[in-house]
Amino acid sequence: MHSNLIVARMEPGSAVQVADLFEAFDATEMPHRMGTRRRQLFHYRGLYFHLQDFDTEHGGQQIEEAKTDPRFVRISDDLLPFIEAYDPATWRSPADAMATRFYHWEATS
């Protein structure tokens, strides 16, 4: 499984609204189109963490292909009041908000 972690800033008190937007989005076929296996959202002291798991390392490519879908455009627009780039001066795409994994451990069977 491959994971991406997006880090951003989140409007305080907006967790319910953000969760509702993703719940509606994830009820469509969009997660399958993007190759998303699991999505987890976290917040901590004004920060937003979006952990997305994929079956393969090609999740980023599938997301790029889905970015023009009206449902993807709509959720991106709907999230604007609640989520903003961690560093707006350097943000050009979601790739600019991706955390870099520097350690991984996994239990063996």
Protein backbone atom coordinates (compact mmCIF):
# COMPACT_ATOMS: atom_id res chain seq x y z
CA MET A 1 0.00 0.00 0.00
CA HIS A 2 1.21 3.53 -0.81
CA SER A 3 0.28 6.57 1.29
CA ASN A 4 0.21 10.33 0.76
CA LEU A 5 -0.03 12.82 3.59
CA ILE A 6 -1.24 16.33 2.77
CA VAL A 7 -0.55 19.03 5.36
CA ALA A 8 -2.48 22.30 5.35
CA ARG A 9 -4.12 24.79 7.67
CA MET A 10 -7.70 24.29 8.80
CA GLU A 11 -10.24 26.82 10.00
CA PRO A 12 -10.87 26.12 13.73
CA GLY A 13 -14.19 24.41 14.38
CA SER A 14 -14.66 23.24 10.78
CA ALA A 15 -13.93 19.52 11.22
CA VAL A 16 -17.59 18.52 10.91
CA GLN A 17 -18.08 20.48 7.68
CA VAL A 18 -14.87 19.08 6.17
CA ALA A 19 -15.81 15.53 7.18
CA ASP A 20 -19.30 15.98 5.67
CA LEU A 21 -17.81 17.14 2.36
CA PHE A 22 -15.53 14.11 2.18
CA GLU A 23 -18.28 11.74 3.27
CA ALA A 24 -20.42 12.87 0.31
CA PHE A 25 -17.42 12.75 -2.06
CA ASP A 26 -16.38 9.29 -0.89
CA ALA A 27 -19.93 7.98 -1.42
CA THR A 28 -19.41 8.46 -5.18
CA GLU A 29 -17.15 6.39 -7.43
CA MET A 30 -14.46 9.09 -7.25
CA PRO A 31 -12.28 7.32 -4.65
CA HIS A 32 -12.21 4.24 -6.88
CA ARG A 33 -11.42 6.37 -9.94
CA MET A 34 -8.49 7.91 -8.07
CA GLY A 35 -7.31 4.56 -6.69
CA THR A 36 -8.00 5.61 -3.10
CA ARG A 37 -8.17 2.68 -0.74
CA ARG A 38 -8.58 4.61 2.53
CA ARG A 39 -8.81 8.24 3.62
CA GLN A 40 -8.21 9.57 7.12
CA LEU A 41 -8.47 13.20 8.19
CA PHE A 42 -6.82 14.65 11.29
CA HIS A 43 -6.55 18.09 12.81
CA TYR A 44 -4.21 19.47 15.44
CA ARG A 45 -3.88 23.09 16.59
CA GLY A 46 -5.04 24.63 13.34
CA LEU A 47 -3.30 22.09 11.12
CA TYR A 48 -5.04 19.65 8.79
CA PHE A 49 -3.63 16.24 7.91
CA HIS A 50 -5.15 14.26 5.05
CA LEU A 51 -3.82 10.70 4.90
CA GLN A 52 -4.77 8.90 1.71
CA ASP A 53 -3.84 5.27 1.03
CA PHE A 54 -3.60 3.63 -2.39
CA ASP A 55 -3.10 0.05 -3.54
CA THR A 56 -0.22 1.13 -5.78
CA GLU A 57 2.27 3.98 -6.07
CA HIS A 58 0.31 5.32 -9.05
CA GLY A 59 -2.29 7.10 -6.88
CA GLY A 60 -0.83 10.50 -7.65
CA GLN A 61 -1.14 9.87 -11.38
CA GLN A 62 -4.78 8.77 -11.01
CA ILE A 63 -5.55 11.89 -8.97
CA GLU A 64 -3.99 14.07 -11.67
CA GLU A 65 -6.27 12.40 -14.22
CA ALA A 66 -9.35 12.91 -12.01
CA LYS A 67 -8.67 16.61 -11.29
CA THR A 68 -10.85 17.75 -14.20
CA ASP A 69 -13.86 15.73 -13.06
CA PRO A 70 -16.61 18.14 -11.91
CA ARG A 71 -16.91 16.29 -8.57
CA PHE A 72 -13.20 16.81 -7.87
CA VAL A 73 -13.45 20.47 -8.85
CA ARG A 74 -16.54 20.88 -6.65
CA ILE A 75 -15.00 19.39 -3.49
CA SER A 76 -11.86 21.46 -4.03
CA ASP A 77 -14.01 24.61 -4.25
CA ASP A 78 -16.21 23.55 -1.30
CA LEU A 79 -13.13 23.07 0.91
CA LEU A 80 -11.76 26.58 0.23
CA PRO A 81 -13.52 28.23 3.21
CA PHE A 82 -12.07 25.62 5.58
CA ILE A 83 -8.67 24.50 4.25
CA GLU A 84 -5.80 26.68 3.08
CA ALA A 85 -2.28 25.89 1.98
CA TYR A 86 0.26 25.54 4.75
CA ASP A 87 2.45 28.04 2.90
CA PRO A 88 0.33 29.97 0.38
CA ALA A 89 3.42 31.68 -1.04
CA THR A 90 4.84 28.38 -2.35
CA TRP A 91 1.66 26.39 -3.05
CA ARG A 92 0.95 25.64 -6.70
CA SER A 93 -0.66 22.18 -6.49
CA PRO A 94 -1.45 19.48 -3.89
CA ALA A 95 2.05 18.10 -4.49
CA ASP A 96 3.38 21.21 -2.71
CA ALA A 97 1.51 20.16 0.43
CA MET A 98 2.70 16.53 0.52
CA ALA A 99 4.72 15.46 3.50
CA THR A 100 7.84 13.40 2.80
CA ARG A 101 8.06 10.08 4.60
CA PHE A 102 11.49 9.60 6.11
CA TYR A 103 10.89 6.41 8.13
CA HIS A 104 8.65 3.37 7.76
CA TRP A 105 8.18 0.24 9.84
CA GLU A 106 5.72 -2.57 9.26
CA ALA A 107 4.96 -5.68 11.28
CA THR A 108 5.70 -8.99 9.64
CA SER A 109 3.18 -11.79 9.72
